Amino acid sequence: MSDSVRIPVERLRQACTLLLDHLAQKENGVVDLERDYFWTIDDDTLYNVYAEPAELGVGQVSESWAQLEALLDGTDEVPTRHLVWLAEVLRAAGTPETRKPMP
């Protein structure tokens, strides 16, 4: 049994577009989050499911978003690491408990 997974980038793009379109419609174009902080695990430990994490860190959705804003403003390069920050923001947007209820 292999741990590797192949994901065509175009199919990933289609899934992102579909889900973001759904979110935009559901949230009237803006995701309003009421929770900013979350637990993090370092990259080496995150994908080693055979060892329990020895240490947790704390991340912020607002900090991850700031990294993405810098990318969009052209003040940051385009390293693949931005995908991690995007994932952190998307995770918060996709978790109903983190969103503020709509008025």
PDB file of N, CA and C in Angstrom:
ATOM      1  N   MET A   1       0.846  -1.179   0.000  1.00  0.00           N
ATOM      2  CA  MET A   1       0.000   0.000   0.000  1.00  0.00           C
ATOM      3  C   MET A   1       0.896   1.248   0.000  1.00  0.00           C
ATOM      4  N   SER A   2       0.612   2.154  -0.897  1.00  0.00           N
ATOM      5  CA  SER A   2       1.422   3.357  -1.056  1.00  0.00           C
ATOM      6  C   SER A   2       0.761   4.547  -0.372  1.00  0.00           C
ATOM      7  N   ASP A   3       1.597   5.423   0.168  1.00  0.00           N
ATOM      8  CA  ASP A   3       1.082   6.649   0.769  1.00  0.00           C
ATOM      9  C   ASP A   3       0.960   7.775  -0.248  1.00  0.00           C
ATOM     10  N   SER A   4       1.485   7.587  -1.440  1.00  0.00           N
ATOM     11  CA  SER A   4       1.497   8.670  -2.418  1.00  0.00           C
ATOM     12  C   SER A   4       0.120   8.836  -3.077  1.00  0.00           C
ATOM     13  N   VAL A   5      -0.161  10.066  -3.437  1.00  0.00           N
ATOM     14  CA  VAL A   5      -1.424  10.417  -4.076  1.00  0.00           C
ATOM     15  C   VAL A   5      -1.116  11.353  -5.229  1.00  0.00           C
ATOM     16  N   ARG A   6      -1.694  11.097  -6.392  1.00  0.00           N
ATOM     17  CA  ARG A   6      -1.533  11.986  -7.553  1.00  0.00           C
ATOM     18  C   ARG A   6      -2.840  12.723  -7.774  1.00  0.00           C
ATOM     19  N   ILE A   7      -2.751  14.044  -7.803  1.00  0.00           N
ATOM     20  CA  ILE A   7      -3.935  14.871  -7.990  1.00  0.00           C
ATOM     21  C   ILE A   7      -3.683  15.802  -9.168  1.00  0.00           C
ATOM     22  N   PRO A   8      -4.450  15.675 -10.235  1.00  0.00           N
ATOM     23  CA  PRO A   8      -4.302  16.599 -11.357  1.00  0.00           C
ATOM     24  C   PRO A   8      -4.648  18.025 -10.921  1.00  0.00           C
ATOM     25  N   VAL A   9      -3.756  18.958 -11.179  1.00  0.00           N
ATOM     26  CA  VAL A   9      -3.950  20.347 -10.754  1.00  0.00           C
ATOM     27  C   VAL A   9      -5.229  20.927 -11.351  1.00  0.00           C
ATOM     28  N   GLU A  10      -5.555  20.580 -12.584  1.00  0.00           N
ATOM     29  CA  GLU A  10      -6.768  21.127 -13.204  1.00  0.00           C
ATOM     30  C   GLU A  10      -8.020  20.658 -12.472  1.00  0.00           C
ATOM     31  N   ARG A  11      -8.057  19.412 -12.031  1.00  0.00           N
ATOM     32  CA  ARG A  11      -9.220  18.919 -11.265  1.00  0.00           C
ATOM     33  C   ARG A  11      -9.285  19.612  -9.900  1.00  0.00           C
ATOM     34  N   LEU A  12      -8.129  19.855  -9.312  1.00  0.00           N
ATOM     35  CA  LEU A  12      -8.072  20.586  -8.046  1.00  0.00           C
ATOM     36  C   LEU A  12      -8.600  22.002  -8.236  1.00  0.00           C
ATOM     37  N   ARG A  13      -8.212  22.636  -9.340  1.00  0.00           N
ATOM     38  CA  ARG A  13      -8.701  23.982  -9.668  1.00  0.00           C
ATOM     39  C   ARG A  13     -10.232  23.969  -9.825  1.00  0.00           C
ATOM     40  N   GLN A  14     -10.763  22.948 -10.501  1.00  0.00           N
ATOM     41  CA  GLN A  14     -12.211  22.851 -10.697  1.00  0.00           C
ATOM     42  C   GLN A  14     -12.929  22.704  -9.355  1.00  0.00           C
ATOM     43  N   ALA A  15     -12.373  21.889  -8.472  1.00  0.00           N
ATOM     44  CA  ALA A  15     -12.977  21.698  -7.150  1.00  0.00           C
ATOM     45  C   ALA A  15     -12.951  23.006  -6.367  1.00  0.00           C
ATOM     46  N   CYS A  16     -11.836  23.728  -6.421  1.00  0.00           N
ATOM     47  CA  CYS A  16     -11.719  25.014  -5.722  1.00  0.00           C
ATOM     48  C   CYS A  16     -12.742  26.015  -6.252  1.00  0.00           C
ATOM     49  N   THR A  17     -12.858  26.101  -7.558  1.00  0.00           N
ATOM     50  CA  THR A  17     -13.802  27.035  -8.160  1.00  0.00           C
ATOM     51  C   THR A  17     -15.233  26.702  -7.740  1.00  0.00           C
ATOM     52  N   LEU A  18     -15.595  25.440  -7.823  1.00  0.00           N
ATOM     53  CA  LEU A  18     -16.937  25.010  -7.441  1.00  0.00           C
ATOM     54  C   LEU A  18     -17.228  25.359  -5.986  1.00  0.00           C
ATOM     55  N   LEU A  19     -16.288  25.051  -5.102  1.00  0.00           N
ATOM     56  CA  LEU A  19     -16.499  25.290  -3.673  1.00  0.00           C
ATOM     57  C   LEU A  19     -16.478  26.779  -3.326  1.00  0.00           C
ATOM     58  N   LEU A  20     -15.601  27.540  -3.958  1.00  0.00           N
ATOM     59  CA  LEU A  20     -15.566  28.978  -3.683  1.00  0.00           C
ATOM     60  C   LEU A  20     -16.802  29.687  -4.235  1.00  0.00           C
ATOM     61  N   ASP A  21     -17.302  29.249  -5.373  1.00  0.00           N
ATOM     62  CA  ASP A  21     -18.554  29.800  -5.898  1.00  0.00           C
ATOM     63  C   ASP A  21     -19.700  29.530  -4.927  1.00  0.00           C
ATOM     64  N   HIS A  22     -19.731  28.314  -4.391  1.00  0.00           N
ATOM     65  CA  HIS A  22     -20.759  27.950  -3.411  1.00  0.00           C
ATOM     66  C   HIS A  22     -20.641  28.830  -2.161  1.00  0.00           C
ATOM     67  N   LEU A  23     -19.422  29.013  -1.665  1.00  0.00           N
ATOM     68  CA  LEU A  23     -19.197  29.828  -0.473  1.00  0.00           C
ATOM     69  C   LEU A  23     -19.597  31.282  -0.713  1.00  0.00           C
ATOM     70  N   ALA A  24     -19.231  31.812  -1.874  1.00  0.00           N
ATOM     71  CA  ALA A  24     -19.577  33.201  -2.201  1.00  0.00           C
ATOM     72  C   ALA A  24     -21.084  33.410  -2.198  1.00  0.00           C
ATOM     73  N   GLN A  25     -21.809  32.449  -2.744  1.00  0.00           N
ATOM     74  CA  GLN A  25     -23.267  32.553  -2.782  1.00  0.00           C
ATOM     75  C   GLN A  25     -23.853  32.412  -1.378  1.00  0.00           C
ATOM     76  N   LYS A  26     -23.365  31.437  -0.641  1.00  0.00           N
ATOM     77  CA  LYS A  26     -23.901  31.168   0.698  1.00  0.00           C
ATOM     78  C   LYS A  26     -23.608  32.293   1.681  1.00  0.00           C
ATOM     79  N   GLU A  27     -22.438  32.899   1.575  1.00  0.00           N
ATOM     80  CA  GLU A  27     -22.013  33.921   2.535  1.00  0.00           C
ATOM     81  C   GLU A  27     -22.148  35.346   1.981  1.00  0.00           C
ATOM     82  N   ASN A  28     -22.859  35.510   0.884  1.00  0.00           N
ATOM     83  CA  ASN A  28     -23.055  36.829   0.271  1.00  0.00           C
ATOM     84  C   ASN A  28     -21.733  37.525  -0.046  1.00  0.00           C
ATOM     85  N   GLY A  29     -20.749  36.756  -0.480  1.00  0.00           N
ATOM     86  CA  GLY A  29     -19.498  37.326  -0.970  1.00  0.00           C
ATOM     87  C   GLY A  29     -18.420  37.597   0.057  1.00  0.00           C
ATOM     88  N   VAL A  30     -18.732  37.468   1.346  1.00  0.00           N
ATOM     89  CA  VAL A  30     -17.741  37.739   2.395  1.00  0.00           C
ATOM     90  C   VAL A  30     -17.854  36.678   3.483  1.00  0.00           C
ATOM     91  N   VAL A  31     -16.716  36.114   3.869  1.00  0.00           N
ATOM     92  CA  VAL A  31     -16.703  35.164   4.979  1.00  0.00           C
ATOM     93  C   VAL A  31     -16.298  35.940   6.221  1.00  0.00           C
ATOM     94  N   ASP A  32     -17.150  35.960   7.203  1.00  0.00           N
ATOM     95  CA  ASP A  32     -16.916  36.689   8.444  1.00  0.00           C
ATOM     96  C   ASP A  32     -16.596  35.666   9.532  1.00  0.00           C
ATOM     97  N   LEU A  33     -15.338  35.637   9.973  1.00  0.00           N
ATOM     98  CA  LEU A  33     -14.896  34.647  10.950  1.00  0.00           C
ATOM     99  C   LEU A  33     -14.840  35.254  12.341  1.00  0.00           C
ATOM    100  N   GLU A  34     -15.249  34.482  13.328  1.00  0.00           N
ATOM    101  CA  GLU A  34     -15.178  34.987  14.698  1.00  0.00           C
ATOM    102  C   GLU A  34     -14.041  34.355  15.486  1.00  0.00           C
ATOM    103  N   ARG A  35     -13.357  33.382  14.919  1.00  0.00           N
ATOM    104  CA  ARG A  35     -12.213  32.765  15.592  1.00  0.00           C
ATOM    105  C   ARG A  35     -10.979  32.917  14.711  1.00  0.00           C
ATOM    106  N   ASP A  36      -9.910  33.411  15.303  1.00  0.00           N
ATOM    107  CA  ASP A  36      -8.695  33.713  14.557  1.00  0.00           C
ATOM    108  C   ASP A  36      -7.585  32.706  14.827  1.00  0.00           C
ATOM    109  N   TYR A  37      -7.474  32.202  16.041  1.00  0.00           N
ATOM    110  CA  TYR A  37      -6.355  31.340  16.429  1.00  0.00           C
ATOM    111  C   TYR A  37      -6.692  29.868  16.224  1.00  0.00           C
ATOM    112  N   PHE A  38      -5.664  29.086  15.885  1.00  0.00           N
ATOM    113  CA  PHE A  38      -5.839  27.643  15.704  1.00  0.00           C
ATOM    114  C   PHE A  38      -4.542  26.929  16.061  1.00  0.00           C
ATOM    115  N   TRP A  39      -4.646  25.636  16.320  1.00  0.00           N
ATOM    116  CA  TRP A  39      -3.471  24.818  16.625  1.00  0.00           C
ATOM    117  C   TRP A  39      -2.743  24.463  15.339  1.00  0.00           C
ATOM    118  N   THR A  40      -1.408  24.405  15.422  1.00  0.00           N
ATOM    119  CA  THR A  40      -0.603  23.975  14.290  1.00  0.00           C
ATOM    120  C   THR A  40       0.343  22.858  14.735  1.00  0.00           C
ATOM    121  N   ILE A  41       0.763  22.083  13.778  1.00  0.00           N
ATOM    122  CA  ILE A  41       1.749  21.018  13.988  1.00  0.00           C
ATOM    123  C   ILE A  41       2.811  21.218  12.927  1.00  0.00           C
ATOM    124  N   ASP A  42       4.086  21.097  13.311  1.00  0.00           N
ATOM    125  CA  ASP A  42       5.150  21.312  12.328  1.00  0.00           C
ATOM    126  C   ASP A  42       5.033  20.316  11.169  1.00  0.00           C
ATOM    127  N   ASP A  43       5.539  20.710  10.023  1.00  0.00           N
ATOM    128  CA  ASP A  43       5.378  19.932   8.787  1.00  0.00           C
ATOM    129  C   ASP A  43       5.897  18.505   8.902  1.00  0.00           C
ATOM    130  N   ASP A  44       7.030  18.301   9.561  1.00  0.00           N
ATOM    131  CA  ASP A  44       7.591  16.950   9.675  1.00  0.00           C
ATOM    132  C   ASP A  44       6.685  16.023  10.467  1.00  0.00           C
ATOM    133  N   THR A  45       6.010  16.560  11.471  1.00  0.00           N
ATOM    134  CA  THR A  45       5.146  15.751  12.324  1.00  0.00           C
ATOM    135  C   THR A  45       3.755  15.574  11.733  1.00  0.00           C
ATOM    136  N   LEU A  46       3.296  16.574  11.005  1.00  0.00           N
ATOM    137  CA  LEU A  46       1.930  16.579  10.486  1.00  0.00           C
ATOM    138  C   LEU A  46       1.602  15.328   9.676  1.00  0.00           C
ATOM    139  N   TYR A  47       2.541  14.875   8.876  1.00  0.00           N
ATOM    140  CA  TYR A  47       2.282  13.715   8.003  1.00  0.00           C
ATOM    141  C   TYR A  47       2.932  12.435   8.507  1.00  0.00           C
ATOM    142  N   ASN A  48       3.385  12.431   9.741  1.00  0.00           N
ATOM    143  CA  ASN A  48       3.899  11.217  10.362  1.00  0.00           C
ATOM    144  C   ASN A  48       2.850  10.730  11.351  1.00  0.00           C
ATOM    145  N   VAL A  49       1.890   9.979  10.851  1.00  0.00           N
ATOM    146  CA  VAL A  49       0.764   9.556  11.680  1.00  0.00           C
ATOM    147  C   VAL A  49       1.134   8.430  12.646  1.00  0.00           C
ATOM    148  N   TYR A  50       2.368   7.975  12.584  1.00  0.00           N
ATOM    149  CA  TYR A  50       2.817   6.895  13.470  1.00  0.00           C
ATOM    150  C   TYR A  50       3.452   7.435  14.743  1.00  0.00           C
ATOM    151  N   ALA A  51       3.611   8.744  14.860  1.00  0.00           N
ATOM    152  CA  ALA A  51       4.175   9.366  16.052  1.00  0.00           C
ATOM    153  C   ALA A  51       3.246  10.481  16.520  1.00  0.00           C
ATOM    154  N   GLU A  52       2.961  10.473  17.809  1.00  0.00           N
ATOM    155  CA  GLU A  52       2.110  11.518  18.362  1.00  0.00           C
ATOM    156  C   GLU A  52       2.886  12.832  18.410  1.00  0.00           C
ATOM    157  N   PRO A  53       2.249  13.928  18.046  1.00  0.00           N
ATOM    158  CA  PRO A  53       2.950  15.215  18.078  1.00  0.00           C
ATOM    159  C   PRO A  53       3.445  15.539  19.486  1.00  0.00           C
ATOM    160  N   ALA A  54       4.707  15.926  19.574  1.00  0.00           N
ATOM    161  CA  ALA A  54       5.282  16.279  20.869  1.00  0.00           C
ATOM    162  C   ALA A  54       4.991  17.729  21.225  1.00  0.00           C
ATOM    163  N   GLU A  55       4.751  18.535  20.208  1.00  0.00           N
ATOM    164  CA  GLU A  55       4.577  19.963  20.448  1.00  0.00           C
ATOM    165  C   GLU A  55       3.564  20.540  19.471  1.00  0.00           C
ATOM    166  N   LEU A  56       2.730  21.415  19.987  1.00  0.00           N
ATOM    167  CA  LEU A  56       1.765  22.131  19.153  1.00  0.00           C
ATOM    168  C   LEU A  56       2.152  23.606  19.101  1.00  0.00           C
ATOM    169  N   GLY A  57       1.826  24.231  18.000  1.00  0.00           N
ATOM    170  CA  GLY A  57       2.020  25.672  17.880  1.00  0.00           C
ATOM    171  C   GLY A  57       0.676  26.346  17.733  1.00  0.00           C
ATOM    172  N   VAL A  58       0.710  27.649  17.610  1.00  0.00           N
ATOM    173  CA  VAL A  58      -0.518  28.422  17.432  1.00  0.00           C
ATOM    174  C   VAL A  58      -0.369  29.242  16.161  1.00  0.00           C
ATOM    175  N   GLY A  59      -1.394  29.190  15.325  1.00  0.00           N
ATOM    176  CA  GLY A  59      -1.419  29.993  14.116  1.00  0.00           C
ATOM    177  C   GLY A  59      -2.597  30.954  14.162  1.00  0.00           C
ATOM    178  N   GLN A  60      -2.618  31.879  13.220  1.00  0.00           N
ATOM    179  CA  GLN A  60      -3.715  32.838  13.126  1.00  0.00           C
ATOM    180  C   GLN A  60      -4.221  32.893  11.698  1.00  0.00           C
ATOM    181  N   VAL A  61      -5.530  32.807  11.547  1.00  0.00           N
ATOM    182  CA  VAL A  61      -6.137  32.942  10.231  1.00  0.00           C
ATOM    183  C   VAL A  61      -5.789  34.314   9.657  1.00  0.00           C
ATOM    184  N   SER A  62      -5.827  35.343  10.487  1.00  0.00           N
ATOM    185  CA  SER A  62      -5.534  36.695  10.003  1.00  0.00           C
ATOM    186  C   SER A  62      -4.096  36.811   9.496  1.00  0.00           C
ATOM    187  N   GLU A  63      -3.161  36.103  10.118  1.00  0.00           N
ATOM    188  CA  GLU A  63      -1.772  36.121   9.657  1.00  0.00           C
ATOM    189  C   GLU A  63      -1.645  35.385   8.322  1.00  0.00           C
ATOM    190  N   SER A  64      -2.325  34.257   8.212  1.00  0.00           N
ATOM    191  CA  SER A  64      -2.315  33.513   6.947  1.00  0.00           C
ATOM    192  C   SER A  64      -2.926  34.362   5.839  1.00  0.00           C
ATOM    193  N   TRP A  65      -4.019  35.056   6.156  1.00  0.00           N
ATOM    194  CA  TRP A  65      -4.668  35.913   5.173  1.00  0.00           C
ATOM    195  C   TRP A  65      -3.743  37.060   4.775  1.00  0.00           C
ATOM    196  N   ALA A  66      -2.998  37.614   5.724  1.00  0.00           N
ATOM    197  CA  ALA A  66      -2.067  38.706   5.424  1.00  0.00           C
ATOM    198  C   ALA A  66      -1.001  38.245   4.429  1.00  0.00           C
ATOM    199  N   GLN A  67      -0.552  37.008   4.556  1.00  0.00           N
ATOM    200  CA  GLN A  67       0.416  36.457   3.601  1.00  0.00           C
ATOM    201  C   GLN A  67      -0.196  36.389   2.202  1.00  0.00           C
ATOM    202  N   LEU A  68      -1.457  35.992   2.129  1.00  0.00           N
ATOM    203  CA  LEU A  68      -2.140  35.901   0.840  1.00  0.00           C
ATOM    204  C   LEU A  68      -2.410  37.288   0.259  1.00  0.00           C
ATOM    205  N   GLU A  69      -2.732  38.249   1.107  1.00  0.00           N
ATOM    206  CA  GLU A  69      -2.928  39.624   0.652  1.00  0.00           C
ATOM    207  C   GLU A  69      -1.639  40.176   0.057  1.00  0.00           C
ATOM    208  N   ALA A  70      -0.498  39.889   0.700  1.00  0.00           N
ATOM    209  CA  ALA A  70       0.797  40.341   0.179  1.00  0.00           C
ATOM    210  C   ALA A  70       1.055  39.727  -1.196  1.00  0.00           C
ATOM    211  N   LEU A  71       0.677  38.489  -1.362  1.00  0.00           N
ATOM    212  CA  LEU A  71       0.810  37.820  -2.657  1.00  0.00           C
ATOM    213  C   LEU A  71      -0.057  38.523  -3.698  1.00  0.00           C
ATOM    214  N   LEU A  72      -1.309  38.801  -3.345  1.00  0.00           N
ATOM    215  CA  LEU A  72      -2.242  39.449  -4.267  1.00  0.00           C
ATOM    216  C   LEU A  72      -1.827  40.877  -4.601  1.00  0.00           C
ATOM    217  N   ASP A  73      -1.199  41.560  -3.649  1.00  0.00           N
ATOM    218  CA  ASP A  73      -0.735  42.931  -3.864  1.00  0.00           C
ATOM    219  C   ASP A  73       0.572  42.999  -4.636  1.00  0.00           C
ATOM    220  N   GLY A  74       1.186  41.838  -4.869  1.00  0.00           N
ATOM    221  CA  GLY A  74       2.447  41.810  -5.592  1.00  0.00           C
ATOM    222  C   GLY A  74       3.657  42.145  -4.741  1.00  0.00           C
ATOM    223  N   THR A  75       3.482  42.190  -3.412  1.00  0.00           N
ATOM    224  CA  THR A  75       4.606  42.504  -2.534  1.00  0.00           C
ATOM    225  C   THR A  75       5.295  41.257  -2.006  1.00  0.00           C
ATOM    226  N   ASP A  76       4.856  40.107  -2.439  1.00  0.00           N
ATOM    227  CA  ASP A  76       5.465  38.850  -2.011  1.00  0.00           C
ATOM    228  C   ASP A  76       5.650  37.964  -3.237  1.00  0.00           C
ATOM    229  N   GLU A  77       6.651  37.115  -3.166  1.00  0.00           N
ATOM    230  CA  GLU A  77       6.875  36.160  -4.255  1.00  0.00           C
ATOM    231  C   GLU A  77       5.792  35.093  -4.210  1.00  0.00           C
ATOM    232  N   VAL A  78       5.837  34.172  -5.143  1.00  0.00           N
ATOM    233  CA  VAL A  78       4.825  33.129  -5.218  1.00  0.00           C
ATOM    234  C   VAL A  78       5.435  31.771  -4.862  1.00  0.00           C
ATOM    235  N   PRO A  79       5.834  31.586  -3.608  1.00  0.00           N
ATOM    236  CA  PRO A  79       6.322  30.258  -3.237  1.00  0.00           C
ATOM    237  C   PRO A  79       5.140  29.320  -3.020  1.00  0.00           C
ATOM    238  N   THR A  80       5.407  28.062  -3.148  1.00  0.00           N
ATOM    239  CA  THR A  80       4.360  27.062  -2.944  1.00  0.00           C
ATOM    240  C   THR A  80       3.817  27.119  -1.528  1.00  0.00           C
ATOM    241  N   ARG A  81       4.577  27.672  -0.590  1.00  0.00           N
ATOM    242  CA  ARG A  81       4.136  27.759   0.810  1.00  0.00           C
ATOM    243  C   ARG A  81       2.811  28.515   0.941  1.00  0.00           C
ATOM    244  N   HIS A  82       2.510  29.386   0.005  1.00  0.00           N
ATOM    245  CA  HIS A  82       1.240  30.114   0.063  1.00  0.00           C
ATOM    246  C   HIS A  82       0.052  29.159   0.028  1.00  0.00           C
ATOM    247  N   LEU A  83       0.228  27.983  -0.535  1.00  0.00           N
ATOM    248  CA  LEU A  83      -0.856  26.999  -0.532  1.00  0.00           C
ATOM    249  C   LEU A  83      -1.204  26.587   0.892  1.00  0.00           C
ATOM    250  N   VAL A  84      -0.212  26.527   1.777  1.00  0.00           N
ATOM    251  CA  VAL A  84      -0.465  26.175   3.176  1.00  0.00           C
ATOM    252  C   VAL A  84      -1.288  27.273   3.838  1.00  0.00           C
ATOM    253  N   TRP A  85      -0.907  28.531   3.601  1.00  0.00           N
ATOM    254  CA  TRP A  85      -1.664  29.638   4.187  1.00  0.00           C
ATOM    255  C   TRP A  85      -3.077  29.677   3.618  1.00  0.00           C
ATOM    256  N   LEU A  86      -3.217  29.399   2.327  1.00  0.00           N
ATOM    257  CA  LEU A  86      -4.542  29.324   1.718  1.00  0.00           C
ATOM    258  C   LEU A  86      -5.367  28.225   2.376  1.00  0.00           C
ATOM    259  N   ALA A  87      -4.753  27.080   2.616  1.00  0.00           N
ATOM    260  CA  ALA A  87      -5.455  25.960   3.252  1.00  0.00           C
ATOM    261  C   ALA A  87      -5.937  26.330   4.650  1.00  0.00           C
ATOM    262  N   GLU A  88      -5.125  27.086   5.387  1.00  0.00           N
ATOM    263  CA  GLU A  88      -5.527  27.486   6.736  1.00  0.00           C
ATOM    264  C   GLU A  88      -6.743  28.415   6.686  1.00  0.00           C
ATOM    265  N   VAL A  89      -6.757  29.326   5.737  1.00  0.00           N
ATOM    266  CA  VAL A  89      -7.901  30.241   5.584  1.00  0.00           C
ATOM    267  C   VAL A  89      -9.131  29.458   5.122  1.00  0.00           C
ATOM    268  N   LEU A  90      -8.942  28.566   4.168  1.00  0.00           N
ATOM    269  CA  LEU A  90     -10.077  27.778   3.668  1.00  0.00           C
ATOM    270  C   LEU A  90     -10.637  26.860   4.748  1.00  0.00           C
ATOM    271  N   ARG A  91      -9.770  26.319   5.572  1.00  0.00           N
ATOM    272  CA  ARG A  91     -10.242  25.455   6.661  1.00  0.00           C
ATOM    273  C   ARG A  91     -11.155  26.249   7.594  1.00  0.00           C
ATOM    274  N   ALA A  92     -10.740  27.465   7.937  1.00  0.00           N
ATOM    275  CA  ALA A  92     -11.571  28.306   8.807  1.00  0.00           C
ATOM    276  C   ALA A  92     -12.891  28.650   8.121  1.00  0.00           C
ATOM    277  N   ALA A  93     -12.837  28.960   6.836  1.00  0.00           N
ATOM    278  CA  ALA A  93     -14.054  29.304   6.092  1.00  0.00           C
ATOM    279  C   ALA A  93     -14.990  28.108   5.976  1.00  0.00           C
ATOM    280  N   GLY A  94     -14.426  26.909   5.953  1.00  0.00           N
ATOM    281  CA  GLY A  94     -15.233  25.704   5.797  1.00  0.00           C
ATOM    282  C   GLY A  94     -15.712  25.097   7.098  1.00  0.00           C
ATOM    283  N   THR A  95     -15.342  25.697   8.223  1.00  0.00           N
ATOM    284  CA  THR A  95     -15.740  25.194   9.532  1.00  0.00           C
ATOM    285  C   THR A  95     -16.837  26.090  10.089  1.00  0.00           C
ATOM    286  N   PRO A  96     -18.078  25.623  10.098  1.00  0.00           N
ATOM    287  CA  PRO A  96     -19.193  26.477  10.522  1.00  0.00           C
ATOM    288  C   PRO A  96     -18.994  27.102  11.908  1.00  0.00           C
ATOM    289  N   GLU A  97     -18.311  26.405  12.803  1.00  0.00           N
ATOM    290  CA  GLU A  97     -18.120  26.916  14.165  1.00  0.00           C
ATOM    291  C   GLU A  97     -17.227  28.153  14.197  1.00  0.00           C
ATOM    292  N   THR A  98     -16.459  28.413  13.133  1.00  0.00           N
ATOM    293  CA  THR A  98     -15.573  29.577  13.131  1.00  0.00           C
ATOM    294  C   THR A  98     -16.256  30.794  12.514  1.00  0.00           C
ATOM    295  N   ARG A  99     -17.330  30.595  11.786  1.00  0.00           N
ATOM    296  CA  ARG A  99     -17.992  31.706  11.100  1.00  0.00           C
ATOM    297  C   ARG A  99     -19.004  32.380  12.020  1.00  0.00           C
ATOM    298  N   LYS A 100     -19.112  33.688  11.859  1.00  0.00           N
ATOM    299  CA  LYS A 100     -20.142  34.426  12.587  1.00  0.00           C
ATOM    300  C   LYS A 100     -21.480  34.169  11.910  1.00  0.00           C
ATOM    301  N   PRO A 101     -22.526  34.034  12.700  1.00  0.00           N
ATOM    302  CA  PRO A 101     -23.846  33.840  12.085  1.00  0.00           C
ATOM    303  C   PRO A 101     -24.244  35.066  11.280  1.00  0.00           C
ATOM    304  N   MET A 102     -24.893  34.819  10.168  1.00  0.00           N
ATOM    305  CA  MET A 102     -25.362  35.927   9.326  1.00  0.00           C
ATOM    306  C   MET A 102     -26.544  36.594  10.007  1.00  0.00           C
ATOM    307  N   PRO A 103     -26.614  37.927   9.934  1.00  0.00           N
ATOM    308  CA  PRO A 103     -27.751  38.645  10.570  1.00  0.00           C
ATOM    309  C   PRO A 103     -29.053  38.377   9.867  1.00  0.00           C
TER     310      PRO A 103
END
